[in-house]
Amino acid sequence: VVSTQSTGGRLCPERDSLHYFFWLLAVRYNIWTGSYCLEPWERKIFNTAMITILLMTVWTAYMFLPGWLTSSMSMLCSGKDKVVVHAGDFTKLIGYNFR
């Protein structure tokens, strides 16, 4: 929260500052998600869930997107109808053999 005393009576920081940019991002996030209506303890739970979903999405893209792109590009460029996708990296990760 920005005190009104340090900003000369205004609730937002100076427009040309980096602080204003992050303040504006926070305001847009609160309005877009509707989290400004939540109580502080509800907001913490909601933000934790949002961060968890974001991290899981990034991790999943990091793990599986390169293999999917490789197999897709090999299918498109080779002209074959059938592409075999090996789950070798995934089996090393979880320690289970699918064969």
PDB file of N, CA and C in Angstrom:
ATOM      1  N   VAL A   1       0.849  -1.174   0.000  1.00  0.00           N
ATOM      2  CA  VAL A   1       0.000   0.000   0.000  1.00  0.00           C
ATOM      3  C   VAL A   1       0.884   1.224   0.000  1.00  0.00           C
ATOM      4  N   VAL A   2       0.590   2.157  -0.862  1.00  0.00           N
ATOM      5  CA  VAL A   2       1.342   3.397  -0.955  1.00  0.00           C
ATOM      6  C   VAL A   2       0.684   4.413  -0.041  1.00  0.00           C
ATOM      7  N   SER A   3       1.469   5.003   0.840  1.00  0.00           N
ATOM      8  CA  SER A   3       0.884   6.004   1.736  1.00  0.00           C
ATOM      9  C   SER A   3       0.625   7.284   0.967  1.00  0.00           C
ATOM     10  N   THR A   4      -0.448   7.952   1.333  1.00  0.00           N
ATOM     11  CA  THR A   4      -0.795   9.193   0.639  1.00  0.00           C
ATOM     12  C   THR A   4       0.127  10.327   1.048  1.00  0.00           C
ATOM     13  N   GLN A   5       0.787  10.205   2.191  1.00  0.00           N
ATOM     14  CA  GLN A   5       1.683  11.261   2.636  1.00  0.00           C
ATOM     15  C   GLN A   5       2.931  11.324   1.764  1.00  0.00           C
ATOM     16  N   SER A   6       3.478  10.170   1.384  1.00  0.00           N
ATOM     17  CA  SER A   6       4.695  10.155   0.573  1.00  0.00           C
ATOM     18  C   SER A   6       4.426  10.505  -0.887  1.00  0.00           C
ATOM     19  N   THR A   7       3.212  10.384  -1.351  1.00  0.00           N
ATOM     20  CA  THR A   7       2.900  10.673  -2.753  1.00  0.00           C
ATOM     21  C   THR A   7       2.160  11.993  -2.925  1.00  0.00           C
ATOM     22  N   GLY A   8       2.124  12.790  -1.890  1.00  0.00           N
ATOM     23  CA  GLY A   8       1.493  14.100  -2.012  1.00  0.00           C
ATOM     24  C   GLY A   8      -0.013  14.024  -2.072  1.00  0.00           C
ATOM     25  N   GLY A   9      -0.640  13.083  -1.376  1.00  0.00           N
ATOM     26  CA  GLY A   9      -2.087  12.991  -1.341  1.00  0.00           C
ATOM     27  C   GLY A   9      -2.684  12.067  -2.384  1.00  0.00           C
ATOM     28  N   ARG A  10      -1.861  11.542  -3.302  1.00  0.00           N
ATOM     29  CA  ARG A  10      -2.368  10.640  -4.326  1.00  0.00           C
ATOM     30  C   ARG A  10      -2.221   9.193  -3.873  1.00  0.00           C
ATOM     31  N   LEU A  11      -3.060   8.314  -4.413  1.00  0.00           N
ATOM     32  CA  LEU A  11      -3.002   6.907  -4.049  1.00  0.00           C
ATOM     33  C   LEU A  11      -2.076   6.098  -4.941  1.00  0.00           C
ATOM     34  N   CYS A  12      -1.671   6.647  -6.054  1.00  0.00           N
ATOM     35  CA  CYS A  12      -0.779   5.914  -6.948  1.00  0.00           C
ATOM     36  C   CYS A  12       0.562   6.639  -7.036  1.00  0.00           C
ATOM     37  N   PRO A  13       1.645   5.903  -7.318  1.00  0.00           N
ATOM     38  CA  PRO A  13       2.961   6.537  -7.444  1.00  0.00           C
ATOM     39  C   PRO A  13       3.091   7.352  -8.729  1.00  0.00           C
ATOM     40  N   GLU A  14       4.228   7.992  -8.899  1.00  0.00           N
ATOM     41  CA  GLU A  14       4.487   8.798 -10.098  1.00  0.00           C
ATOM     42  C   GLU A  14       4.409   7.941 -11.352  1.00  0.00           C
ATOM     43  N   ARG A  15       3.877   8.495 -12.426  1.00  0.00           N
ATOM     44  CA  ARG A  15       3.661   7.722 -13.645  1.00  0.00           C
ATOM     45  C   ARG A  15       4.944   7.285 -14.326  1.00  0.00           C
ATOM     46  N   ASP A  16       6.015   8.018 -14.187  1.00  0.00           N
ATOM     47  CA  ASP A  16       7.242   7.697 -14.908  1.00  0.00           C
ATOM     48  C   ASP A  16       8.175   6.774 -14.133  1.00  0.00           C
ATOM     49  N   SER A  17       7.723   6.219 -13.033  1.00  0.00           N
ATOM     50  CA  SER A  17       8.606   5.392 -12.219  1.00  0.00           C
ATOM     51  C   SER A  17       8.341   3.907 -12.464  1.00  0.00           C
ATOM     52  N   LEU A  18       9.328   3.103 -12.105  1.00  0.00           N
ATOM     53  CA  LEU A  18       9.191   1.658 -12.195  1.00  0.00           C
ATOM     54  C   LEU A  18       8.192   1.159 -11.157  1.00  0.00           C
ATOM     55  N   HIS A  19       8.123   1.859 -10.043  1.00  0.00           N
ATOM     56  CA  HIS A  19       7.153   1.527  -8.999  1.00  0.00           C
ATOM     57  C   HIS A  19       5.722   1.631  -9.548  1.00  0.00           C
ATOM     58  N   TYR A  20       5.462   2.633 -10.355  1.00  0.00           N
ATOM     59  CA  TYR A  20       4.138   2.799 -10.955  1.00  0.00           C
ATOM     60  C   TYR A  20       3.797   1.625 -11.865  1.00  0.00           C
ATOM     61  N   PHE A  21       4.784   1.151 -12.627  1.00  0.00           N
ATOM     62  CA  PHE A  21       4.558   0.031 -13.529  1.00  0.00           C
ATOM     63  C   PHE A  21       4.114  -1.207 -12.757  1.00  0.00           C
ATOM     64  N   PHE A  22       4.827  -1.534 -11.659  1.00  0.00           N
ATOM     65  CA  PHE A  22       4.465  -2.703 -10.863  1.00  0.00           C
ATOM     66  C   PHE A  22       3.163  -2.489 -10.104  1.00  0.00           C
ATOM     67  N   TRP A  23       2.921  -1.265  -9.668  1.00  0.00           N
ATOM     68  CA  TRP A  23       1.650  -0.948  -9.013  1.00  0.00           C
ATOM     69  C   TRP A  23       0.497  -1.161  -9.988  1.00  0.00           C
ATOM     70  N   LEU A  24       0.683  -0.715 -11.226  1.00  0.00           N
ATOM     71  CA  LEU A  24      -0.352  -0.867 -12.239  1.00  0.00           C
ATOM     72  C   LEU A  24      -0.581  -2.341 -12.583  1.00  0.00           C
ATOM     73  N   LEU A  25       0.478  -3.136 -12.653  1.00  0.00           N
ATOM     74  CA  LEU A  25       0.321  -4.576 -12.871  1.00  0.00           C
ATOM     75  C   LEU A  25      -0.467  -5.228 -11.742  1.00  0.00           C
ATOM     76  N   ALA A  26      -0.174  -4.832 -10.507  1.00  0.00           N
ATOM     77  CA  ALA A  26      -0.886  -5.396  -9.364  1.00  0.00           C
ATOM     78  C   ALA A  26      -2.360  -5.016  -9.390  1.00  0.00           C
ATOM     79  N   VAL A  27      -2.654  -3.782  -9.741  1.00  0.00           N
ATOM     80  CA  VAL A  27      -4.053  -3.336  -9.818  1.00  0.00           C
ATOM     81  C   VAL A  27      -4.783  -4.087 -10.923  1.00  0.00           C
ATOM     82  N   ARG A  28      -4.152  -4.224 -12.068  1.00  0.00           N
ATOM     83  CA  ARG A  28      -4.791  -4.952 -13.177  1.00  0.00           C
ATOM     84  C   ARG A  28      -5.017  -6.415 -12.824  1.00  0.00           C
ATOM     85  N   TYR A  29      -4.050  -7.049 -12.137  1.00  0.00           N
ATOM     86  CA  TYR A  29      -4.201  -8.438 -11.727  1.00  0.00           C
ATOM     87  C   TYR A  29      -5.371  -8.570 -10.757  1.00  0.00           C
ATOM     88  N   ASN A  30      -5.462  -7.668  -9.795  1.00  0.00           N
ATOM     89  CA  ASN A  30      -6.546  -7.736  -8.808  1.00  0.00           C
ATOM     90  C   ASN A  30      -7.911  -7.535  -9.460  1.00  0.00           C
ATOM     91  N   ILE A  31      -7.997  -6.651 -10.422  1.00  0.00           N
ATOM     92  CA  ILE A  31      -9.277  -6.406 -11.094  1.00  0.00           C
ATOM     93  C   ILE A  31      -9.612  -7.553 -12.037  1.00  0.00           C
ATOM     94  N   TRP A  32      -8.612  -8.040 -12.784  1.00  0.00           N
ATOM     95  CA  TRP A  32      -8.856  -9.104 -13.756  1.00  0.00           C
ATOM     96  C   TRP A  32      -9.283 -10.395 -13.081  1.00  0.00           C
ATOM     97  N   THR A  33      -8.674 -10.721 -11.947  1.00  0.00           N
ATOM     98  CA  THR A  33      -9.015 -11.962 -11.253  1.00  0.00           C
ATOM     99  C   THR A  33     -10.151 -11.790 -10.257  1.00  0.00           C
ATOM    100  N   GLY A  34     -10.479 -10.557  -9.929  1.00  0.00           N
ATOM    101  CA  GLY A  34     -11.523 -10.309  -8.937  1.00  0.00           C
ATOM    102  C   GLY A  34     -11.058 -10.542  -7.514  1.00  0.00           C
ATOM    103  N   SER A  35      -9.766 -10.642  -7.309  1.00  0.00           N
ATOM    104  CA  SER A  35      -9.255 -10.933  -5.969  1.00  0.00           C
ATOM    105  C   SER A  35      -9.337  -9.735  -5.036  1.00  0.00           C
ATOM    106  N   TYR A  36      -9.656  -8.548  -5.551  1.00  0.00           N
ATOM    107  CA  TYR A  36      -9.812  -7.390  -4.676  1.00  0.00           C
ATOM    108  C   TYR A  36     -11.044  -7.545  -3.782  1.00  0.00           C
ATOM    109  N   CYS A  37     -11.949  -8.429  -4.144  1.00  0.00           N
ATOM    110  CA  CYS A  37     -13.153  -8.655  -3.339  1.00  0.00           C
ATOM    111  C   CYS A  37     -12.913  -9.645  -2.202  1.00  0.00           C
ATOM    112  N   LEU A  38     -11.772 -10.323  -2.206  1.00  0.00           N
ATOM    113  CA  LEU A  38     -11.500 -11.357  -1.216  1.00  0.00           C
ATOM    114  C   LEU A  38     -10.897 -10.760   0.049  1.00  0.00           C
ATOM    115  N   GLU A  39     -11.061 -11.490   1.134  1.00  0.00           N
ATOM    116  CA  GLU A  39     -10.404 -11.111   2.380  1.00  0.00           C
ATOM    117  C   GLU A  39      -8.938 -11.483   2.272  1.00  0.00           C
ATOM    118  N   PRO A  40      -8.070 -10.918   3.131  1.00  0.00           N
ATOM    119  CA  PRO A  40      -6.631 -11.184   3.002  1.00  0.00           C
ATOM    120  C   PRO A  40      -6.258 -12.667   3.057  1.00  0.00           C
ATOM    121  N   TRP A  41      -6.885 -13.446   3.921  1.00  0.00           N
ATOM    122  CA  TRP A  41      -6.536 -14.865   3.998  1.00  0.00           C
ATOM    123  C   TRP A  41      -7.024 -15.617   2.770  1.00  0.00           C
ATOM    124  N   GLU A  42      -8.157 -15.206   2.204  1.00  0.00           N
ATOM    125  CA  GLU A  42      -8.653 -15.826   0.972  1.00  0.00           C
ATOM    126  C   GLU A  42      -7.757 -15.463  -0.207  1.00  0.00           C
ATOM    127  N   ARG A  43      -7.271 -14.221  -0.217  1.00  0.00           N
ATOM    128  CA  ARG A  43      -6.397 -13.758  -1.291  1.00  0.00           C
ATOM    129  C   ARG A  43      -5.078 -14.536  -1.291  1.00  0.00           C
ATOM    130  N   LYS A  44      -4.548 -14.840  -0.093  1.00  0.00           N
ATOM    131  CA  LYS A  44      -3.312 -15.619  -0.022  1.00  0.00           C
ATOM    132  C   LYS A  44      -3.511 -17.020  -0.587  1.00  0.00           C
ATOM    133  N   ILE A  45      -4.623 -17.652  -0.259  1.00  0.00           N
ATOM    134  CA  ILE A  45      -4.910 -18.984  -0.791  1.00  0.00           C
ATOM    135  C   ILE A  45      -5.095 -18.925  -2.302  1.00  0.00           C
ATOM    136  N   PHE A  46      -5.821 -17.928  -2.780  1.00  0.00           N
ATOM    137  CA  PHE A  46      -6.060 -17.771  -4.215  1.00  0.00           C
ATOM    138  C   PHE A  46      -4.752 -17.526  -4.960  1.00  0.00           C
ATOM    139  N   ASN A  47      -3.904 -16.639  -4.452  1.00  0.00           N
ATOM    140  CA  ASN A  47      -2.631 -16.346  -5.115  1.00  0.00           C
ATOM    141  C   ASN A  47      -1.704 -17.555  -5.091  1.00  0.00           C
ATOM    142  N   THR A  48      -1.727 -18.332  -4.000  1.00  0.00           N
ATOM    143  CA  THR A  48      -0.932 -19.556  -3.942  1.00  0.00           C
ATOM    144  C   THR A  48      -1.389 -20.545  -5.009  1.00  0.00           C
ATOM    145  N   ALA A  49      -2.695 -20.683  -5.184  1.00  0.00           N
ATOM    146  CA  ALA A  49      -3.221 -21.577  -6.220  1.00  0.00           C
ATOM    147  C   ALA A  49      -2.835 -21.075  -7.612  1.00  0.00           C
ATOM    148  N   MET A  50      -2.907 -19.780  -7.835  1.00  0.00           N
ATOM    149  CA  MET A  50      -2.539 -19.228  -9.147  1.00  0.00           C
ATOM    150  C   MET A  50      -1.061 -19.457  -9.448  1.00  0.00           C
ATOM    151  N   ILE A  51      -0.195 -19.242  -8.465  1.00  0.00           N
ATOM    152  CA  ILE A  51       1.242 -19.459  -8.665  1.00  0.00           C
ATOM    153  C   ILE A  51       1.527 -20.937  -8.910  1.00  0.00           C
ATOM    154  N   THR A  52       0.836 -21.816  -8.182  1.00  0.00           N
ATOM    155  CA  THR A  52       1.023 -23.253  -8.371  1.00  0.00           C
ATOM    156  C   THR A  52       0.617 -23.676  -9.776  1.00  0.00           C
ATOM    157  N   ILE A  53      -0.510 -23.191 -10.251  1.00  0.00           N
ATOM    158  CA  ILE A  53      -0.970 -23.521 -11.605  1.00  0.00           C
ATOM    159  C   ILE A  53       0.012 -22.990 -12.648  1.00  0.00           C
ATOM    160  N   LEU A  54       0.505 -21.782 -12.459  1.00  0.00           N
ATOM    161  CA  LEU A  54       1.467 -21.204 -13.390  1.00  0.00           C
ATOM    162  C   LEU A  54       2.763 -22.018 -13.424  1.00  0.00           C
ATOM    163  N   LEU A  55       3.280 -22.393 -12.252  1.00  0.00           N
ATOM    164  CA  LEU A  55       4.515 -23.177 -12.200  1.00  0.00           C
ATOM    165  C   LEU A  55       4.324 -24.566 -12.808  1.00  0.00           C
ATOM    166  N   MET A  56       3.180 -25.188 -12.572  1.00  0.00           N
ATOM    167  CA  MET A  56       2.921 -26.499 -13.163  1.00  0.00           C
ATOM    168  C   MET A  56       2.827 -26.405 -14.679  1.00  0.00           C
ATOM    169  N   THR A  57       2.240 -25.343 -15.193  1.00  0.00           N
ATOM    170  CA  THR A  57       2.143 -25.147 -16.637  1.00  0.00           C
ATOM    171  C   THR A  57       3.519 -24.951 -17.258  1.00  0.00           C
ATOM    172  N   VAL A  58       4.357 -24.149 -16.624  1.00  0.00           N
ATOM    173  CA  VAL A  58       5.711 -23.919 -17.136  1.00  0.00           C
ATOM    174  C   VAL A  58       6.517 -25.206 -17.095  1.00  0.00           C
ATOM    175  N   TRP A  59       6.418 -25.975 -16.001  1.00  0.00           N
ATOM    176  CA  TRP A  59       7.157 -27.231 -15.882  1.00  0.00           C
ATOM    177  C   TRP A  59       6.697 -28.228 -16.946  1.00  0.00           C
ATOM    178  N   THR A  60       5.395 -28.333 -17.157  1.00  0.00           N
ATOM    179  CA  THR A  60       4.868 -29.260 -18.149  1.00  0.00           C
ATOM    180  C   THR A  60       5.330 -28.874 -19.552  1.00  0.00           C
ATOM    181  N   ALA A  61       5.295 -27.593 -19.868  1.00  0.00           N
ATOM    182  CA  ALA A  61       5.772 -27.144 -21.175  1.00  0.00           C
ATOM    183  C   ALA A  61       7.259 -27.430 -21.336  1.00  0.00           C
ATOM    184  N   TYR A  62       8.040 -27.229 -20.282  1.00  0.00           N
ATOM    185  CA  TYR A  62       9.480 -27.486 -20.343  1.00  0.00           C
ATOM    186  C   TYR A  62       9.770 -28.972 -20.558  1.00  0.00           C
ATOM    187  N   MET A  63       8.979 -29.834 -19.928  1.00  0.00           N
ATOM    188  CA  MET A  63       9.238 -31.271 -20.024  1.00  0.00           C
ATOM    189  C   MET A  63       8.742 -31.881 -21.339  1.00  0.00           C
ATOM    190  N   PHE A  64       7.564 -31.508 -21.797  1.00  0.00           N
ATOM    191  CA  PHE A  64       6.924 -32.227 -22.888  1.00  0.00           C
ATOM    192  C   PHE A  64       6.864 -31.480 -24.218  1.00  0.00           C
ATOM    193  N   LEU A  65       6.984 -30.172 -24.219  1.00  0.00           N
ATOM    194  CA  LEU A  65       6.883 -29.412 -25.465  1.00  0.00           C
ATOM    195  C   LEU A  65       8.020 -29.714 -26.440  1.00  0.00           C
ATOM    196  N   PRO A  66       9.281 -29.832 -26.001  1.00  0.00           N
ATOM    197  CA  PRO A  66      10.338 -30.139 -26.980  1.00  0.00           C
ATOM    198  C   PRO A  66      10.122 -31.471 -27.710  1.00  0.00           C
ATOM    199  N   GLY A  67       9.709 -32.505 -26.990  1.00  0.00           N
ATOM    200  CA  GLY A  67       9.452 -33.795 -27.641  1.00  0.00           C
ATOM    201  C   GLY A  67       8.280 -33.737 -28.593  1.00  0.00           C
ATOM    202  N   TRP A  68       7.250 -33.023 -28.205  1.00  0.00           N
ATOM    203  CA  TRP A  68       6.092 -32.894 -29.071  1.00  0.00           C
ATOM    204  C   TRP A  68       6.444 -32.113 -30.329  1.00  0.00           C
ATOM    205  N   LEU A  69       7.197 -31.024 -30.167  1.00  0.00           N
ATOM    206  CA  LEU A  69       7.595 -30.242 -31.338  1.00  0.00           C
ATOM    207  C   LEU A  69       8.503 -31.041 -32.261  1.00  0.00           C
ATOM    208  N   THR A  70       9.420 -31.820 -31.686  1.00  0.00           N
ATOM    209  CA  THR A  70      10.319 -32.635 -32.504  1.00  0.00           C
ATOM    210  C   THR A  70       9.540 -33.664 -33.313  1.00  0.00           C
ATOM    211  N   SER A  71       8.626 -34.373 -32.652  1.00  0.00           N
ATOM    212  CA  SER A  71       7.857 -35.381 -33.382  1.00  0.00           C
ATOM    213  C   SER A  71       6.922 -34.737 -34.404  1.00  0.00           C
ATOM    214  N   SER A  72       6.363 -33.591 -34.085  1.00  0.00           N
ATOM    215  CA  SER A  72       5.478 -32.906 -35.041  1.00  0.00           C
ATOM    216  C   SER A  72       6.250 -32.432 -36.259  1.00  0.00           C
ATOM    217  N   MET A  73       7.424 -31.857 -36.027  1.00  0.00           N
ATOM    218  CA  MET A  73       8.216 -31.374 -37.151  1.00  0.00           C
ATOM    219  C   MET A  73       8.731 -32.531 -37.997  1.00  0.00           C
ATOM    220  N   SER A  74       9.091 -33.654 -37.354  1.00  0.00           N
ATOM    221  CA  SER A  74       9.555 -34.796 -38.153  1.00  0.00           C
ATOM    222  C   SER A  74       8.418 -35.376 -38.984  1.00  0.00           C
ATOM    223  N   MET A  75       7.197 -35.350 -38.450  1.00  0.00           N
ATOM    224  CA  MET A  75       6.049 -35.840 -39.205  1.00  0.00           C
ATOM    225  C   MET A  75       5.742 -34.909 -40.376  1.00  0.00           C
ATOM    226  N   LEU A  76       5.792 -33.614 -40.139  1.00  0.00           N
ATOM    227  CA  LEU A  76       5.479 -32.655 -41.198  1.00  0.00           C
ATOM    228  C   LEU A  76       6.554 -32.623 -42.279  1.00  0.00           C
ATOM    229  N   CYS A  77       7.807 -32.758 -41.869  1.00  0.00           N
ATOM    230  CA  CYS A  77       8.902 -32.635 -42.832  1.00  0.00           C
ATOM    231  C   CYS A  77       9.217 -33.941 -43.562  1.00  0.00           C
ATOM    232  N   SER A  78       8.922 -35.095 -42.953  1.00  0.00           N
ATOM    233  CA  SER A  78       9.299 -36.359 -43.579  1.00  0.00           C
ATOM    234  C   SER A  78       8.243 -36.880 -44.532  1.00  0.00           C
ATOM    235  N   GLY A  79       7.013 -36.487 -44.373  1.00  0.00           N
ATOM    236  CA  GLY A  79       5.962 -36.952 -45.242  1.00  0.00           C
ATOM    237  C   GLY A  79       5.408 -38.304 -44.854  1.00  0.00           C
ATOM    238  N   LYS A  80       5.828 -38.854 -43.732  1.00  0.00           N
ATOM    239  CA  LYS A  80       5.304 -40.141 -43.284  1.00  0.00           C
ATOM    240  C   LYS A  80       3.943 -39.945 -42.630  1.00  0.00           C
ATOM    241  N   ASP A  81       3.133 -41.007 -42.699  1.00  0.00           N
ATOM    242  CA  ASP A  81       1.813 -40.927 -42.081  1.00  0.00           C
ATOM    243  C   ASP A  81       1.842 -41.268 -40.599  1.00  0.00           C
ATOM    244  N   LYS A  82       2.813 -42.064 -40.201  1.00  0.00           N
ATOM    245  CA  LYS A  82       2.849 -42.538 -38.829  1.00  0.00           C
ATOM    246  C   LYS A  82       4.144 -42.083 -38.156  1.00  0.00           C
ATOM    247  N   VAL A  83       4.019 -41.534 -36.952  1.00  0.00           N
ATOM    248  CA  VAL A  83       5.177 -41.099 -36.191  1.00  0.00           C
ATOM    249  C   VAL A  83       5.164 -41.845 -34.866  1.00  0.00           C
ATOM    250  N   VAL A  84       6.278 -42.448 -34.517  1.00  0.00           N
ATOM    251  CA  VAL A  84       6.395 -43.165 -33.254  1.00  0.00           C
ATOM    252  C   VAL A  84       7.027 -42.219 -32.238  1.00  0.00           C
ATOM    253  N   VAL A  85       6.334 -42.024 -31.134  1.00  0.00           N
ATOM    254  CA  VAL A  85       6.844 -41.165 -30.077  1.00  0.00           C
ATOM    255  C   VAL A  85       7.323 -42.061 -28.945  1.00  0.00           C
ATOM    256  N   HIS A  86       8.575 -41.940 -28.596  1.00  0.00           N
ATOM    257  CA  HIS A  86       9.149 -42.739 -27.518  1.00  0.00           C
ATOM    258  C   HIS A  86       9.032 -41.976 -26.207  1.00  0.00           C
ATOM    259  N   ALA A  87       8.717 -42.687 -25.153  1.00  0.00           N
ATOM    260  CA  ALA A  87       8.570 -42.071 -23.840  1.00  0.00           C
ATOM    261  C   ALA A  87       9.800 -42.316 -22.989  1.00  0.00           C
ATOM    262  N   GLY A  88      10.967 -42.308 -23.583  1.00  0.00           N
ATOM    263  CA  GLY A  88      12.196 -42.610 -22.866  1.00  0.00           C
ATOM    264  C   GLY A  88      12.513 -41.622 -21.764  1.00  0.00           C
ATOM    265  N   ASP A  89      12.419 -40.327 -22.053  1.00  0.00           N
ATOM    266  CA  ASP A  89      12.723 -39.326 -21.045  1.00  0.00           C
ATOM    267  C   ASP A  89      11.724 -39.385 -19.900  1.00  0.00           C
ATOM    268  N   PHE A  90      10.471 -39.663 -20.216  1.00  0.00           N
ATOM    269  CA  PHE A  90       9.447 -39.714 -19.181  1.00  0.00           C
ATOM    270  C   PHE A  90       9.648 -40.914 -18.274  1.00  0.00           C
ATOM    271  N   THR A  91      10.067 -42.069 -18.853  1.00  0.00           N
ATOM    272  CA  THR A  91      10.285 -43.255 -18.025  1.00  0.00           C
ATOM    273  C   THR A  91      11.471 -43.063 -17.096  1.00  0.00           C
ATOM    274  N   LYS A  92      12.488 -42.330 -17.533  1.00  0.00           N
ATOM    275  CA  LYS A  92      13.600 -42.030 -16.645  1.00  0.00           C
ATOM    276  C   LYS A  92      13.156 -41.137 -15.501  1.00  0.00           C
ATOM    277  N   LEU A  93      12.229 -40.235 -15.786  1.00  0.00           N
ATOM    278  CA  LEU A  93      11.777 -39.285 -14.778  1.00  0.00           C
ATOM    279  C   LEU A  93      11.000 -39.970 -13.671  1.00  0.00           C
ATOM    280  N   ILE A  94      10.059 -40.866 -14.037  1.00  0.00           N
ATOM    281  CA  ILE A  94       9.221 -41.486 -13.009  1.00  0.00           C
ATOM    282  C   ILE A  94       9.696 -42.869 -12.609  1.00  0.00           C
ATOM    283  N   GLY A  95      10.653 -43.440 -13.327  1.00  0.00           N
ATOM    284  CA  GLY A  95      11.186 -44.760 -12.982  1.00  0.00           C
ATOM    285  C   GLY A  95      10.249 -45.907 -13.302  1.00  0.00           C
ATOM    286  N   TYR A  96       9.420 -45.774 -14.324  1.00  0.00           N
ATOM    287  CA  TYR A  96       8.486 -46.822 -14.716  1.00  0.00           C
ATOM    288  C   TYR A  96       8.684 -47.129 -16.181  1.00  0.00           C
ATOM    289  N   ASN A  97       8.706 -48.405 -16.535  1.00  0.00           N
ATOM    290  CA  ASN A  97       8.877 -48.807 -17.926  1.00  0.00           C
ATOM    291  C   ASN A  97       7.512 -49.171 -18.509  1.00  0.00           C
ATOM    292  N   PHE A  98       7.126 -48.546 -19.603  1.00  0.00           N
ATOM    293  CA  PHE A  98       5.814 -48.762 -20.204  1.00  0.00           C
ATOM    294  C   PHE A  98       5.743 -50.003 -21.073  1.00  0.00           C
ATOM    295  N   ARG A  99       6.844 -50.651 -21.355  1.00  0.00           N
ATOM    296  CA  ARG A  99       6.852 -51.810 -22.256  1.00  0.00           C
ATOM    297  C   ARG A  99       6.415 -53.062 -21.564  1.00  0.00           C
TER     298      ARG A  99
END
